[in-house]
Amino acid sequence: MIKKLDKLILKAFVGPFIATFFITLFVLVLQFFWLYIDDFVGKGLDLVTIGEAILYVAATVVPLALPLAVLLSSIMTFGNLGETFELVAIKSAGIPLLRFMRPIMLVALVLSGVAFMFNNYLLPVSNLKLNRLKYDIINKKPAFDLREGAFYTNIPGYSIKVGKKEKDDSTLREIIIFEKDYNLQDNIIIANKGIMRVSDDKRFLEFKLIDGWRYTERGSRINTNTEYIRLGFKEFKKVFDLSALQFNPTNDSLFKDNYQMLSVRQLSKAIDSLGTIHSVFKKKVAGEIGPYVQFYKQMDTAYTPSSSPVKADSLGAIIPDSLHSSMNDRVLSQLSITRSSLEISKSDYENRMKSLRFHKMAWHEKFSMSIACFVLFLIGAPLGSIIRKGGIGTPLVFAVVFFVVFFLLNNFGKKFVKEAVLEPVWGIWLATFVLIPIGVFLTYKAMRDSQLFNKEFYYRTFRRLRPYYDRFIKKSGPVQPL
């Protein structure tokens, strides 16, 4: 049964949580577009494509926005209750801190479960769609934009330059068109005037050229006898295909095997498959190197260099001088082949081990980013009850500080995992391992009404220590000049 106290706490928490969640989401989406603004501008994207990109970006930053929203809203909720002395009234009624933290604690646990479901089922789909869309946008050529005095080269096979554009943006002056011909010289069209028009379906660009010349050279590169043609015209129509400038969606299957696009079950299956890498490469290396080291198979297990019947200094007596050169060449050739094979196997092995680390990292991240909601609540709730400041100012400062710590530790952990410095279980859970003790410490201080973040406490402490400081200064005497 939900009591009035629980309703009070939940009502004070829901509003700030919704507001901070969408504000955080908006800031993180802006951060993404700030990074990729150069790839989006000038591509002639329609509103549907831009809206689709915003939707996918918002979905991919939800795992990061949820913990920050829980942290900030927890500090704001308990800060507001402390500032209005409601926390004092609740504690004076004999209700401990953990009791009135319980409803939001349950909400934080529910949010952790929701975050895990989102990370496991919706986030892989969002990453897949976003990466496909981002790939298409980045590889899309800029929209048709013909400028005065500059060559436009985005239409495959052509370079177009105009000397002047009239105010209607359709009438052109001093037009030069290079048709790229990889057999001989490029064909050239020069016109004094032209009218440009784009077809209704945006697939073709039509140039109606007036008063110009067309220069063409026919023949083969291997033959010096070529045919040079100069054609004058009063009116000439040139059509360009703009299909290369259109937005062509890529199939989702191009990115589906990436570790970011997999659920926990799919990641577990991939990790089990990649886990056999050691035995697979042991057999592979034995099969590739075995034919070149036949002596290894025939070597006695009790072999030692001292027991060898052939000494190194007696090889010259066994092998004639005439065969030394050919023998050395053959040995060097075999060693070169063996080394190349080992280097290829080593590179392949390192790539597979890197893929295994990335899959394990993604698997642990599904859980760590979900638990982060509860971990940051353990910091935010007691911190708000200690600072006892509501609004958005002071809580935002503390929330940013702890979130930056969480964000940096999380990124450092992932960096260490990618560089094989830490195991995935330690790198991905690094932020959680560091912040949980801080949350327990803050909860302990809040339960005892600590003045850890109260400036008046430090001011009173300094005033009590001031006489001892003055006495020490008088005893030591004035500072002598150098």
Protein backbone atom coordinates (compact mmCIF):
# COMPACT_ATOMS: atom_id res chain seq x y z
CA MET A 1 0.00 0.00 0.00
CA ILE A 2 1.35 3.38 -1.04
CA LYS A 3 1.32 5.83 1.85
CA LYS A 4 1.03 9.62 1.67
CA LEU A 5 4.74 10.00 2.30
CA ASP A 6 5.54 7.80 -0.69
CA LYS A 7 3.14 9.81 -2.86
CA LEU A 8 4.81 13.02 -1.70
CA ILE A 9 8.28 11.78 -2.59
CA LEU A 10 7.21 10.33 -5.94
CA LYS A 11 5.33 13.48 -6.89
CA ALA A 12 8.39 15.57 -6.08
CA PHE A 13 10.59 13.25 -8.17
CA VAL A 14 8.54 12.64 -11.35
CA GLY A 15 8.45 16.25 -12.56
CA PRO A 16 12.20 16.96 -12.31
CA PHE A 17 13.01 13.54 -13.75
CA ILE A 18 10.94 14.04 -16.91
CA ALA A 19 12.27 17.57 -17.40
CA THR A 20 15.93 16.65 -16.85
CA PHE A 21 15.64 13.53 -19.02
CA PHE A 22 14.45 15.44 -22.07
CA ILE A 23 16.88 18.30 -21.48
CA THR A 24 19.75 15.81 -21.24
CA LEU A 25 18.50 14.02 -24.34
CA PHE A 26 18.39 17.31 -26.24
CA VAL A 27 21.95 18.24 -25.19
CA LEU A 28 23.35 14.83 -26.18
CA VAL A 29 21.60 14.96 -29.56
CA LEU A 30 23.07 18.41 -30.17
CA GLN A 31 26.49 17.05 -29.28
CA PHE A 32 26.15 14.37 -31.97
CA PHE A 33 25.17 16.86 -34.67
CA TRP A 34 27.96 19.18 -33.55
CA LEU A 35 30.45 16.40 -34.30
CA TYR A 36 28.92 15.48 -37.68
CA ILE A 37 27.70 18.89 -38.83
CA ASP A 38 30.22 18.99 -41.69
CA ASP A 39 28.89 15.71 -43.08
CA PHE A 40 25.24 16.85 -42.99
CA VAL A 41 25.47 20.41 -44.31
CA GLY A 42 25.23 20.93 -48.05
CA LYS A 43 23.89 17.46 -48.86
CA GLY A 44 20.36 18.60 -49.73
CA LEU A 45 18.73 16.29 -47.16
CA ASP A 46 14.96 16.41 -46.86
CA LEU A 47 13.09 16.89 -43.58
CA VAL A 48 12.12 13.21 -43.39
CA THR A 49 15.76 12.09 -43.48
CA ILE A 50 16.79 14.71 -40.91
CA GLY A 51 13.91 13.69 -38.64
CA GLU A 52 14.89 10.04 -39.00
CA ALA A 53 18.47 10.87 -38.04
CA ILE A 54 17.32 12.82 -34.96
CA LEU A 55 15.09 9.92 -33.89
CA TYR A 56 17.89 7.35 -34.18
CA VAL A 57 20.42 9.59 -32.44
CA ALA A 58 17.99 10.23 -29.58
CA ALA A 59 17.46 6.48 -29.19
CA THR A 60 21.20 5.77 -29.07
CA VAL A 61 21.88 8.35 -26.31
CA VAL A 62 19.04 7.19 -24.05
CA PRO A 63 21.38 4.82 -22.09
CA LEU A 64 23.54 7.83 -21.20
CA ALA A 65 20.66 10.25 -20.62
CA LEU A 66 18.80 8.02 -18.14
CA PRO A 67 21.56 7.84 -15.46
CA LEU A 68 22.22 11.58 -15.71
CA ALA A 69 18.50 12.34 -15.40
CA VAL A 70 18.21 10.07 -12.34
CA LEU A 71 21.24 11.73 -10.72
CA LEU A 72 20.10 15.30 -11.34
CA SER A 73 16.43 14.72 -10.45
CA SER A 74 17.42 12.89 -7.23
CA ILE A 75 19.58 15.80 -6.11
CA MET A 76 16.84 18.29 -7.03
CA THR A 77 14.10 16.28 -5.27
CA PHE A 78 15.87 15.84 -1.94
CA GLY A 79 17.42 19.30 -2.21
CA ASN A 80 13.96 20.87 -2.57
CA LEU A 81 12.64 18.83 0.37
CA GLY A 82 15.61 19.90 2.47
CA GLU A 83 15.35 23.56 1.50
CA THR A 84 11.67 23.70 2.47
CA PHE A 85 12.42 21.88 5.77
CA GLU A 86 10.22 18.95 4.79
CA LEU A 87 13.12 16.59 5.40
CA VAL A 88 13.45 18.02 8.93
CA ALA A 89 9.76 17.41 9.55
CA ILE A 90 9.97 13.85 8.24
CA LYS A 91 13.02 13.04 10.36
CA SER A 92 11.46 14.64 13.43
CA ALA A 93 8.55 12.20 13.03
CA GLY A 94 11.02 9.36 13.54
CA ILE A 95 11.19 8.28 9.87
CA PRO A 96 14.77 7.39 8.88
CA LEU A 97 16.38 8.51 5.64
CA LEU A 98 16.33 5.08 4.03
CA ARG A 99 12.57 4.85 4.60
CA PHE A 100 11.64 7.96 2.64
CA MET A 101 14.30 7.10 0.03
CA ARG A 102 12.54 3.78 -0.57
CA PRO A 103 9.93 4.84 -3.18
CA ILE A 104 12.49 6.55 -5.43
CA MET A 105 14.88 3.65 -4.84
CA LEU A 106 12.22 1.30 -6.21
CA VAL A 107 11.71 3.66 -9.16
CA ALA A 108 15.47 3.64 -9.79
CA LEU A 109 15.45 -0.17 -9.81
CA VAL A 110 12.54 -0.16 -12.26
CA LEU A 111 14.39 2.34 -14.46
CA SER A 112 17.45 0.06 -14.37
CA GLY A 113 15.28 -2.80 -15.64
CA VAL A 114 13.76 -0.59 -18.33
CA ALA A 115 17.24 0.59 -19.32
CA PHE A 116 18.41 -3.01 -19.68
CA MET A 117 15.43 -3.93 -21.86
CA PHE A 118 16.09 -0.85 -23.97
CA ASN A 119 19.83 -1.59 -24.24
CA ASN A 120 19.18 -5.20 -25.15
CA TYR A 121 16.35 -4.90 -27.67
CA LEU A 122 15.94 -1.34 -28.97
CA LEU A 123 19.48 0.01 -28.82
CA PRO A 124 20.96 -2.56 -31.29
CA VAL A 125 18.24 -1.71 -33.81
CA SER A 126 18.80 2.03 -33.31
CA ASN A 127 22.57 1.62 -33.73
CA LEU A 128 22.02 -0.40 -36.89
CA LYS A 129 19.67 2.17 -38.43
CA LEU A 130 21.82 5.12 -37.35
CA ASN A 131 25.06 3.64 -38.70
CA ARG A 132 23.39 2.80 -42.00
CA LEU A 133 21.89 6.29 -42.28
CA LYS A 134 25.14 7.97 -41.23
CA TYR A 135 27.06 5.94 -43.80
CA ASP A 136 24.64 6.98 -46.55
CA ILE A 137 24.74 10.66 -45.57
CA ILE A 138 28.54 10.81 -45.28
CA ASN A 139 29.01 9.09 -48.65
CA LYS A 140 26.31 11.15 -50.35
CA LYS A 141 27.74 13.81 -52.63
CA PRO A 142 26.82 17.44 -51.96
CA ALA A 143 23.68 18.83 -53.54
CA PHE A 144 24.04 20.46 -56.94
CA ASP A 145 25.50 23.90 -56.36
CA LEU A 146 27.08 25.57 -59.41
CA ARG A 147 29.14 28.60 -58.44
CA GLU A 148 30.70 31.34 -60.54
CA GLY A 149 34.36 30.88 -61.48
CA ALA A 150 34.72 27.43 -59.85
CA PHE A 151 34.71 23.96 -61.34
CA TYR A 152 31.88 21.69 -60.23
CA THR A 153 33.13 18.06 -60.30
CA ASN A 154 30.51 16.06 -58.36
CA ILE A 155 28.77 14.79 -61.48
CA PRO A 156 30.77 11.69 -62.51
CA GLY A 157 32.60 12.18 -65.82
CA TYR A 158 32.16 15.95 -66.03
CA SER A 159 33.69 19.21 -64.83
CA ILE A 160 31.55 22.32 -65.28
CA LYS A 161 32.57 25.93 -64.92
CA VAL A 162 30.51 29.08 -65.49
CA GLY A 163 31.83 32.62 -65.64
CA LYS A 164 28.65 34.32 -64.46
CA LYS A 165 25.16 33.46 -63.24
CA GLU A 166 22.25 35.81 -63.78
CA LYS A 167 19.88 36.73 -60.96
CA ASP A 168 17.34 34.10 -62.03
CA ASP A 169 20.00 31.34 -61.34
CA SER A 170 19.05 29.74 -64.67
CA THR A 171 20.83 31.92 -67.25
CA LEU A 172 24.56 31.25 -67.43
CA ARG A 173 27.44 33.01 -69.21
CA GLU A 174 30.86 31.77 -70.39
CA ILE A 175 30.25 28.04 -69.91
CA ILE A 176 33.02 25.43 -70.07
CA ILE A 177 32.23 21.70 -69.85
CA PHE A 178 34.96 19.03 -69.73
CA GLU A 179 33.79 15.54 -70.65
CA LYS A 180 36.29 13.16 -69.09
CA ASP A 181 37.48 10.63 -71.66
CA TYR A 182 40.08 8.17 -70.36
CA ASN A 183 41.14 7.07 -73.83
CA LEU A 184 42.54 10.35 -75.18
CA GLN A 185 42.10 14.00 -74.33
CA ASP A 186 39.02 15.23 -72.51
CA ASN A 187 36.27 16.51 -74.79
CA ILE A 188 35.45 20.17 -74.29
CA ILE A 189 32.28 22.19 -74.83
CA ILE A 190 32.49 25.99 -74.73
CA ALA A 191 29.42 28.23 -75.00
CA ASN A 192 28.85 31.93 -74.57
CA LYS A 193 25.42 31.49 -73.02
CA GLY A 194 23.22 28.77 -71.63
CA ILE A 195 19.99 28.07 -69.77
CA MET A 196 20.05 25.52 -66.96
CA ARG A 197 17.02 23.53 -65.82
CA VAL A 198 16.60 20.59 -63.45
CA SER A 199 13.95 18.02 -64.37
CA ASP A 200 10.84 17.72 -62.20
CA ASP A 201 11.96 14.37 -60.73
CA LYS A 202 15.41 15.85 -59.84
CA ARG A 203 17.11 13.09 -61.84
CA PHE A 204 18.46 15.08 -64.79
CA LEU A 205 20.11 18.43 -65.38
CA GLU A 206 19.47 20.00 -68.78
CA PHE A 207 21.76 22.63 -70.32
CA LYS A 208 20.48 24.53 -73.36
CA LEU A 209 23.76 25.92 -74.73
CA ILE A 210 23.76 28.83 -77.20
CA ASP A 211 26.55 29.97 -79.55
CA GLY A 212 29.51 27.71 -78.81
CA TRP A 213 31.95 25.03 -79.93
CA ARG A 214 32.49 21.36 -79.19
CA TYR A 215 36.03 19.93 -79.44
CA THR A 216 36.52 16.17 -79.77
CA GLU A 217 39.46 13.91 -80.51
CA ARG A 218 38.87 10.36 -81.72
CA GLY A 219 41.32 7.51 -81.97
CA SER A 220 43.43 5.17 -79.85
CA ARG A 221 46.32 5.83 -77.52
CA ILE A 222 48.51 3.35 -79.34
CA ASN A 223 47.91 5.07 -82.68
CA THR A 224 49.24 8.54 -83.43
CA ASN A 225 46.75 9.01 -86.27
CA THR A 226 43.80 10.55 -84.44
CA GLU A 227 40.84 12.52 -85.68
CA TYR A 228 40.29 15.99 -84.32
CA ILE A 229 36.75 17.35 -84.67
CA ARG A 230 35.62 20.92 -84.02
CA LEU A 231 31.89 21.44 -84.16
CA GLY A 232 30.27 24.86 -83.97
CA PHE A 233 26.65 25.24 -82.90
CA LYS A 234 24.03 27.89 -82.43
CA GLU A 235 22.01 25.77 -80.00
CA PHE A 236 23.02 22.54 -78.28
CA LYS A 237 21.22 20.52 -75.61
CA LYS A 238 23.30 18.68 -73.01
CA VAL A 239 21.69 16.39 -70.41
CA PHE A 240 23.48 15.28 -67.23
CA ASP A 241 22.45 12.33 -65.07
CA LEU A 242 22.09 13.40 -61.41
CA SER A 243 21.46 9.91 -60.03
CA ALA A 244 24.89 9.95 -58.38
CA LEU A 245 23.75 12.92 -56.26
CA GLN A 246 20.60 11.20 -55.07
CA PHE A 247 20.27 9.69 -51.58
CA ASN A 248 20.49 5.90 -52.01
CA PRO A 249 19.80 3.90 -48.81
CA THR A 250 22.19 1.05 -48.06
CA ASN A 251 20.98 -2.37 -46.99
CA ASP A 252 20.98 -2.89 -43.21
CA SER A 253 22.76 -6.22 -43.61
CA LEU A 254 26.03 -4.34 -44.23
CA PHE A 255 26.31 -3.52 -40.49
CA LYS A 256 24.31 -6.29 -38.80
CA ASP A 257 27.34 -8.30 -37.62
CA ASN A 258 28.92 -5.40 -35.72
CA TYR A 259 29.10 -5.94 -31.94
CA GLN A 260 27.08 -2.76 -31.32
CA MET A 261 24.11 -4.23 -33.23
CA LEU A 262 23.77 -7.41 -31.16
CA SER A 263 21.65 -8.34 -28.15
CA VAL A 264 22.92 -10.17 -25.06
CA ARG A 265 21.94 -13.55 -26.49
CA GLN A 266 23.62 -12.81 -29.82
CA LEU A 267 26.72 -11.47 -28.07
CA SER A 268 26.94 -14.59 -25.91
CA LYS A 269 26.75 -16.77 -28.99
CA ALA A 270 29.43 -14.72 -30.76
CA ILE A 271 31.68 -14.81 -27.67
CA ASP A 272 31.38 -18.61 -27.48
CA SER A 273 32.31 -18.83 -31.15
CA LEU A 274 35.28 -16.49 -30.78
CA GLY A 275 36.37 -18.22 -27.56
CA THR A 276 37.75 -21.16 -29.56
CA ILE A 277 40.34 -18.89 -31.14
CA HIS A 278 43.32 -20.46 -29.31
CA SER A 279 42.68 -24.04 -30.42
CA VAL A 280 41.75 -22.94 -33.94
CA PHE A 281 44.95 -20.97 -34.44
CA LYS A 282 47.08 -23.70 -32.89
CA LYS A 283 45.82 -26.14 -35.53
CA LYS A 284 46.08 -23.49 -38.25
CA VAL A 285 49.70 -22.60 -37.47
CA ALA A 286 50.64 -26.28 -37.18
CA GLY A 287 49.13 -26.94 -40.62
CA GLU A 288 50.81 -23.94 -42.26
CA ILE A 289 54.24 -24.19 -40.64
CA GLY A 290 54.45 -27.98 -40.39
CA PRO A 291 55.61 -28.64 -43.98
CA TYR A 292 58.59 -26.31 -43.48
CA VAL A 293 59.75 -27.73 -40.12
CA GLN A 294 59.62 -31.47 -40.74
CA PHE A 295 62.51 -32.03 -38.32
CA TYR A 296 60.27 -31.00 -35.44
CA LYS A 297 57.98 -34.00 -36.01
CA GLN A 298 60.91 -36.43 -36.09
CA MET A 299 62.82 -34.95 -33.16
CA ASP A 300 63.33 -37.23 -30.18
CA THR A 301 61.76 -36.02 -26.93
CA ALA A 302 65.09 -36.66 -25.17
CA TYR A 303 67.00 -34.54 -27.69
CA THR A 304 69.57 -32.07 -26.39
CA PRO A 305 72.15 -30.11 -28.39
CA SER A 306 74.96 -32.05 -26.66
CA SER A 307 73.45 -35.40 -27.71
CA SER A 308 73.28 -34.49 -31.41
CA PRO A 309 75.49 -36.84 -33.51
CA VAL A 310 76.28 -33.96 -35.87
CA LYS A 311 78.10 -31.00 -34.37
CA ALA A 312 77.79 -27.51 -35.78
CA ASP A 313 81.51 -27.30 -36.52
CA SER A 314 81.41 -30.59 -38.49
CA LEU A 315 78.69 -29.51 -40.96
CA GLY A 316 81.34 -28.30 -43.37
CA ALA A 317 82.78 -31.80 -43.56
CA ILE A 318 79.37 -33.29 -44.41
CA ILE A 319 78.16 -30.73 -46.96
CA PRO A 320 80.46 -30.02 -49.89
CA ASP A 321 81.62 -26.46 -50.46
CA SER A 322 79.84 -26.37 -53.82
CA LEU A 323 76.44 -26.79 -52.09
CA HIS A 324 76.93 -24.16 -49.40
CA SER A 325 75.51 -21.31 -51.49
CA SER A 326 72.44 -23.20 -52.71
CA MET A 327 71.83 -24.57 -49.21
CA ASN A 328 71.94 -21.07 -47.69
CA ASP A 329 69.55 -19.75 -50.35
CA ARG A 330 67.12 -22.58 -49.69
CA VAL A 331 67.28 -22.08 -45.92
CA LEU A 332 66.69 -18.34 -46.27
CA SER A 333 63.76 -19.00 -48.62
CA GLN A 334 62.17 -21.45 -46.18
CA LEU A 335 62.69 -19.04 -43.29
CA SER A 336 61.15 -16.17 -45.29
CA ILE A 337 58.08 -18.25 -46.11
CA THR A 338 57.73 -19.34 -42.48
CA ARG A 339 58.10 -15.77 -41.22
CA SER A 340 55.50 -14.42 -43.65
CA SER A 341 53.08 -17.15 -42.67
CA LEU A 342 53.59 -16.45 -38.97
CA GLU A 343 53.12 -12.69 -39.45
CA ILE A 344 49.84 -13.24 -41.30
CA SER A 345 48.64 -15.64 -38.61
CA LYS A 346 49.69 -13.18 -35.91
CA SER A 347 47.76 -10.31 -37.52
CA ASP A 348 44.67 -12.48 -37.94
CA TYR A 349 44.95 -13.69 -34.34
CA GLU A 350 45.24 -10.14 -32.97
CA ASN A 351 42.21 -9.00 -34.98
CA ARG A 352 40.14 -11.90 -33.68
CA MET A 353 41.25 -11.25 -30.11
CA LYS A 354 40.33 -7.60 -30.54
CA SER A 355 36.90 -8.61 -31.83
CA LEU A 356 36.49 -10.92 -28.83
CA ARG A 357 37.33 -8.06 -26.43
CA PHE A 358 34.86 -5.75 -28.16
CA HIS A 359 32.07 -8.36 -27.95
CA LYS A 360 32.74 -8.93 -24.24
CA MET A 361 32.83 -5.18 -23.70
CA ALA A 362 29.43 -4.76 -25.38
CA TRP A 363 28.01 -7.66 -23.32
CA HIS A 364 29.08 -6.14 -20.00
CA GLU A 365 28.02 -2.66 -21.11
CA LYS A 366 24.41 -3.82 -21.48
CA PHE A 367 24.35 -4.44 -17.73
CA SER A 368 26.69 -1.71 -16.47
CA MET A 369 24.79 1.14 -18.15
CA SER A 370 21.55 -0.24 -16.69
CA ILE A 371 22.92 -0.52 -13.14
CA ALA A 372 24.29 3.03 -13.53
CA CYS A 373 20.76 4.39 -12.96
CA PHE A 374 20.67 2.84 -9.49
CA VAL A 375 24.31 3.69 -8.70
CA LEU A 376 23.86 7.37 -9.51
CA PHE A 377 20.65 7.41 -7.48
CA LEU A 378 22.66 6.21 -4.46
CA ILE A 379 24.81 9.31 -4.97
CA GLY A 380 22.10 11.81 -5.88
CA ALA A 381 19.57 11.12 -3.11
CA PRO A 382 21.90 11.47 -0.09
CA LEU A 383 23.77 14.30 -1.78
CA GLY A 384 20.54 16.27 -2.17
CA SER A 385 19.61 15.72 1.48
CA ILE A 386 23.07 16.95 2.53
CA ILE A 387 23.31 20.13 0.42
CA ARG A 388 19.60 21.00 0.99
CA LYS A 389 19.44 23.28 -2.04
CA GLY A 390 16.62 23.09 -4.56
CA GLY A 391 16.17 24.54 -8.01
CA ILE A 392 18.49 23.89 -10.92
CA GLY A 393 21.65 25.80 -9.94
CA THR A 394 23.48 24.02 -7.11
CA PRO A 395 22.08 20.55 -7.94
CA LEU A 396 23.23 20.95 -11.53
CA VAL A 397 26.79 21.75 -10.41
CA PHE A 398 27.05 18.64 -8.24
CA ALA A 399 25.32 16.48 -10.85
CA VAL A 400 27.73 17.60 -13.56
CA VAL A 401 30.74 16.89 -11.31
CA PHE A 402 29.69 13.33 -10.48
CA PHE A 403 28.47 12.62 -14.00
CA VAL A 404 31.78 13.78 -15.45
CA VAL A 405 33.53 11.41 -13.03
CA PHE A 406 31.22 8.60 -14.15
CA PHE A 407 31.65 9.47 -17.84
CA LEU A 408 35.44 9.69 -17.65
CA LEU A 409 35.80 6.45 -15.70
CA ASN A 410 33.48 4.71 -18.15
CA ASN A 411 35.43 5.99 -21.16
CA PHE A 412 38.80 5.20 -19.57
CA GLY A 413 37.58 1.69 -18.81
CA LYS A 414 36.47 1.13 -22.41
CA LYS A 415 39.76 2.56 -23.68
CA PHE A 416 41.73 0.19 -21.46
CA VAL A 417 39.66 -2.76 -22.70
CA LYS A 418 40.20 -1.82 -26.34
CA GLU A 419 43.94 -1.55 -25.77
CA ALA A 420 43.99 -4.89 -23.88
CA VAL A 421 45.19 -3.18 -20.69
CA LEU A 422 42.23 -4.44 -18.60
CA GLU A 423 39.87 -7.33 -18.88
CA PRO A 424 36.35 -6.34 -20.04
CA VAL A 425 34.79 -7.15 -16.66
CA TRP A 426 37.13 -4.68 -14.91
CA GLY A 427 37.20 -1.98 -17.56
CA ILE A 428 33.45 -1.72 -18.15
CA TRP A 429 32.55 -1.93 -14.45
CA LEU A 430 35.30 0.49 -13.39
CA ALA A 431 32.90 3.44 -12.91
CA THR A 432 30.48 1.28 -10.90
CA PHE A 433 33.25 -0.07 -8.64
CA VAL A 434 34.44 3.48 -7.89
CA LEU A 435 31.06 5.18 -7.44
CA ILE A 436 29.30 2.59 -5.25
CA PRO A 437 31.61 3.23 -2.25
CA ILE A 438 31.08 6.97 -2.73
CA GLY A 439 27.30 6.43 -2.72
CA VAL A 440 27.49 4.32 0.44
CA PHE A 441 29.66 6.97 2.11
CA LEU A 442 27.25 9.78 1.18
CA THR A 443 24.29 7.73 2.42
CA TYR A 444 26.08 7.14 5.71
CA LYS A 445 26.76 10.89 6.07
CA ALA A 446 23.19 11.82 5.13
CA MET A 447 21.73 9.42 7.70
CA ARG A 448 23.70 11.27 10.40
CA ASP A 449 22.80 14.76 9.13
CA SER A 450 26.37 15.46 8.03
CA GLN A 451 27.34 19.00 7.11
CA LEU A 452 29.81 17.76 4.53
CA PHE A 453 28.76 20.32 1.88
CA ASN A 454 27.60 23.10 4.22
CA LYS A 455 29.79 26.17 3.88
CA GLU A 456 28.71 27.46 7.31
CA PHE A 457 30.20 24.31 8.88
CA TYR A 458 33.60 25.06 7.34
CA TYR A 459 33.28 28.71 8.30
CA ARG A 460 32.61 27.84 11.97
CA THR A 461 35.45 25.31 11.93
CA PHE A 462 37.84 27.92 10.59
CA ARG A 463 36.75 30.41 13.29
CA ARG A 464 37.49 27.84 15.99
CA LEU A 465 40.93 27.20 14.53
CA ARG A 466 41.74 30.89 14.01
CA PRO A 467 43.09 31.55 17.57
CA TYR A 468 45.52 28.65 17.27
CA TYR A 469 46.69 29.99 13.91
CA ASP A 470 47.22 33.52 15.31
CA ARG A 471 49.10 32.12 18.33
CA PHE A 472 51.38 30.14 16.03
CA ILE A 473 52.13 33.24 13.94
CA LYS A 474 53.01 35.32 17.04
CA LYS A 475 55.26 32.59 18.43
CA SER A 476 57.18 32.16 15.18
CA GLY A 477 57.75 35.88 14.85
CA PRO A 478 57.65 38.12 11.78
CA VAL A 479 58.94 36.83 8.51
CA GLN A 480 62.47 38.08 7.81
CA PRO A 481 63.06 39.59 4.38
CA LEU A 482 65.55 37.88 2.10
